């Protein structure tokens, strides 16, 4: 399932259960635009993982809370706890491997 964050208050609720990959991105970012379809494909394949898109310009407080300094940054959560992070574009198989190696 892929969800675009609409309200900052929903963030904690969306990450609190199960495995969630949070994509901190920006509309003006080339690598972010390349990564979005990859994440959308994985969301269809990996039904055991939630995928959450967070626009850094709209939700800068969330990005600041997790020390995001570059976009795209991916934050992997399990039951609301941050497990690991990575930055930059990743091809589909690499991203899938990254997720699976941490859950």
C-alpha atoms as a PDB file:
ATOM      1  CA  UNK A   1       0.000   0.000   0.000  1.00  0.00           C
ATOM      2  CA  UNK A   2       1.345   3.442  -0.967  1.00  0.00           C
ATOM      3  CA  UNK A   3       0.068   6.501   0.891  1.00  0.00           C
ATOM      4  CA  UNK A   4       0.959  10.179   0.388  1.00  0.00           C
ATOM      5  CA  UNK A   5       0.958  11.941   3.759  1.00  0.00           C
ATOM      6  CA  UNK A   6      -1.738  14.631   3.792  1.00  0.00           C
ATOM      7  CA  UNK A   7      -1.689  15.720   7.457  1.00  0.00           C
ATOM      8  CA  UNK A   8       1.290  15.797   9.791  1.00  0.00           C
ATOM      9  CA  UNK A   9      -0.866  14.467  12.643  1.00  0.00           C
ATOM     10  CA  UNK A  10      -1.394  11.218  10.696  1.00  0.00           C
ATOM     11  CA  UNK A  11       2.324  10.358  10.538  1.00  0.00           C
ATOM     12  CA  UNK A  12       2.632   8.633  13.933  1.00  0.00           C
ATOM     13  CA  UNK A  13      -0.575   6.676  13.355  1.00  0.00           C
ATOM     14  CA  UNK A  14       0.599   5.434   9.951  1.00  0.00           C
ATOM     15  CA  UNK A  15       3.973   4.137  11.187  1.00  0.00           C
ATOM     16  CA  UNK A  16       2.892   2.656  14.522  1.00  0.00           C
ATOM     17  CA  UNK A  17       1.988  -0.854  13.303  1.00  0.00           C
ATOM     18  CA  UNK A  18       3.902  -3.220  11.062  1.00  0.00           C
ATOM     19  CA  UNK A  19       6.697  -2.339   8.671  1.00  0.00           C
ATOM     20  CA  UNK A  20       6.600   1.077   6.991  1.00  0.00           C
ATOM     21  CA  UNK A  21       9.039   2.567   4.500  1.00  0.00           C
ATOM     22  CA  UNK A  22       8.847   6.359   4.612  1.00  0.00           C
ATOM     23  CA  UNK A  23      10.055   8.167   1.497  1.00  0.00           C
ATOM     24  CA  UNK A  24      11.072  11.740   2.363  1.00  0.00           C
ATOM     25  CA  UNK A  25      11.024  13.453  -1.028  1.00  0.00           C
ATOM     26  CA  UNK A  26      10.530  16.723  -2.916  1.00  0.00           C
ATOM     27  CA  UNK A  27       8.673  17.520  -6.119  1.00  0.00           C
ATOM     28  CA  UNK A  28      11.693  19.449  -7.463  1.00  0.00           C
ATOM     29  CA  UNK A  29      14.112  16.529  -6.874  1.00  0.00           C
ATOM     30  CA  UNK A  30      15.077  14.442  -9.933  1.00  0.00           C
ATOM     31  CA  UNK A  31      16.120  11.296  -8.033  1.00  0.00           C
ATOM     32  CA  UNK A  32      12.883  11.550  -6.003  1.00  0.00           C
ATOM     33  CA  UNK A  33      10.833  11.555  -9.191  1.00  0.00           C
ATOM     34  CA  UNK A  34      12.791   8.511 -10.415  1.00  0.00           C
ATOM     35  CA  UNK A  35      12.251   6.677  -7.127  1.00  0.00           C
ATOM     36  CA  UNK A  36       8.486   7.228  -6.837  1.00  0.00           C
ATOM     37  CA  UNK A  37       7.437   4.702  -9.537  1.00  0.00           C
ATOM     38  CA  UNK A  38       9.850   2.157  -8.033  1.00  0.00           C
ATOM     39  CA  UNK A  39       8.201   2.575  -4.643  1.00  0.00           C
ATOM     40  CA  UNK A  40       4.720   2.389  -6.168  1.00  0.00           C
ATOM     41  CA  UNK A  41       5.651  -0.921  -7.878  1.00  0.00           C
ATOM     42  CA  UNK A  42       7.055  -2.348  -4.654  1.00  0.00           C
ATOM     43  CA  UNK A  43       3.918  -1.276  -2.797  1.00  0.00           C
ATOM     44  CA  UNK A  44       1.912  -3.536  -5.116  1.00  0.00           C
ATOM     45  CA  UNK A  45       4.328  -6.455  -4.678  1.00  0.00           C
ATOM     46  CA  UNK A  46       5.225  -6.192  -0.990  1.00  0.00           C
ATOM     47  CA  UNK A  47       1.821  -6.309   0.660  1.00  0.00           C
ATOM     48  CA  UNK A  48       3.419  -6.849   4.087  1.00  0.00           C
ATOM     49  CA  UNK A  49       4.986  -3.350   3.964  1.00  0.00           C
ATOM     50  CA  UNK A  50       3.342   0.086   4.009  1.00  0.00           C
ATOM     51  CA  UNK A  51       4.947   2.764   1.849  1.00  0.00           C
ATOM     52  CA  UNK A  52       4.470   6.377   2.937  1.00  0.00           C
ATOM     53  CA  UNK A  53       5.445   9.396   0.841  1.00  0.00           C
ATOM     54  CA  UNK A  54       6.340  12.570   2.772  1.00  0.00           C
ATOM     55  CA  UNK A  55       7.019  15.845   0.948  1.00  0.00           C
ATOM     56  CA  UNK A  56       9.960  17.547   2.687  1.00  0.00           C
ATOM     57  CA  UNK A  57       8.711  21.018   1.769  1.00  0.00           C
ATOM     58  CA  UNK A  58       5.265  20.386   3.241  1.00  0.00           C
ATOM     59  CA  UNK A  59       6.373  18.419   6.288  1.00  0.00           C
ATOM     60  CA  UNK A  60       9.787  19.826   7.164  1.00  0.00           C
ATOM     61  CA  UNK A  61       9.278  19.141  10.877  1.00  0.00           C
ATOM     62  CA  UNK A  62       9.116  15.396  10.234  1.00  0.00           C
ATOM     63  CA  UNK A  63      12.291  15.570   8.152  1.00  0.00           C
ATOM     64  CA  UNK A  64      14.025  17.609  10.868  1.00  0.00           C
ATOM     65  CA  UNK A  65      12.923  15.176  13.589  1.00  0.00           C
ATOM     66  CA  UNK A  66      14.780  12.358  11.818  1.00  0.00           C
ATOM     67  CA  UNK A  67      17.807  14.425  10.763  1.00  0.00           C
ATOM     68  CA  UNK A  68      17.075  14.285   7.039  1.00  0.00           C
ATOM     69  CA  UNK A  69      19.685  16.341   5.183  1.00  0.00           C
ATOM     70  CA  UNK A  70      19.142  15.104   1.609  1.00  0.00           C
ATOM     71  CA  UNK A  71      16.296  13.861  -0.525  1.00  0.00           C
ATOM     72  CA  UNK A  72      15.269  11.250  -1.228  1.00  0.00           C
ATOM     73  CA  UNK A  73      15.813   9.738   2.204  1.00  0.00           C
ATOM     74  CA  UNK A  74      14.143   6.475   3.117  1.00  0.00           C
ATOM     75  CA  UNK A  75      13.289   5.684   6.728  1.00  0.00           C
ATOM     76  CA  UNK A  76      12.365   2.097   7.615  1.00  0.00           C
ATOM     77  CA  UNK A  77      10.125   1.666  10.658  1.00  0.00           C
ATOM     78  CA  UNK A  78       8.880  -1.433  12.431  1.00  0.00           C
ATOM     79  CA  UNK A  79       5.990  -0.931  14.863  1.00  0.00           C
ATOM     80  CA  UNK A  80       6.791   2.779  15.135  1.00  0.00           C
ATOM     81  CA  UNK A  81      10.510   2.314  15.821  1.00  0.00           C
ATOM     82  CA  UNK A  82      13.075   3.562  13.309  1.00  0.00           C
ATOM     83  CA  UNK A  83      15.194   0.594  12.186  1.00  0.00           C
ATOM     84  CA  UNK A  84      17.449   2.133   9.545  1.00  0.00           C
ATOM     85  CA  UNK A  85      17.764   4.871   6.925  1.00  0.00           C
ATOM     86  CA  UNK A  86      19.285   5.297   3.484  1.00  0.00           C
ATOM     87  CA  UNK A  87      19.568   8.201   1.050  1.00  0.00           C
ATOM     88  CA  UNK A  88      19.511   8.501  -2.706  1.00  0.00           C
ATOM     89  CA  UNK A  89      17.928   6.623  -5.569  1.00  0.00           C
ATOM     90  CA  UNK A  90      17.897   2.822  -5.517  1.00  0.00           C
ATOM     91  CA  UNK A  91      16.741   0.520  -8.310  1.00  0.00           C
ATOM     92  CA  UNK A  92      13.797  -1.740  -7.511  1.00  0.00           C
ATOM     93  CA  UNK A  93      15.700  -4.939  -6.669  1.00  0.00           C
ATOM     94  CA  UNK A  94      18.195  -3.053  -4.511  1.00  0.00           C
ATOM     95  CA  UNK A  95      15.405  -1.337  -2.590  1.00  0.00           C
ATOM     96  CA  UNK A  96      13.532  -4.617  -2.144  1.00  0.00           C
ATOM     97  CA  UNK A  97      16.722  -6.244  -0.825  1.00  0.00           C
ATOM     98  CA  UNK A  98      17.290  -3.278   1.534  1.00  0.00           C
ATOM     99  CA  UNK A  99      13.796  -3.677   2.998  1.00  0.00           C
ATOM    100  CA  UNK A 100      13.919  -7.455   3.275  1.00  0.00           C
ATOM    101  CA  UNK A 101      17.338  -7.438   4.942  1.00  0.00           C
ATOM    102  CA  UNK A 102      15.961  -5.337   7.810  1.00  0.00           C
ATOM    103  CA  UNK A 103      12.592  -6.970   8.490  1.00  0.00           C
END
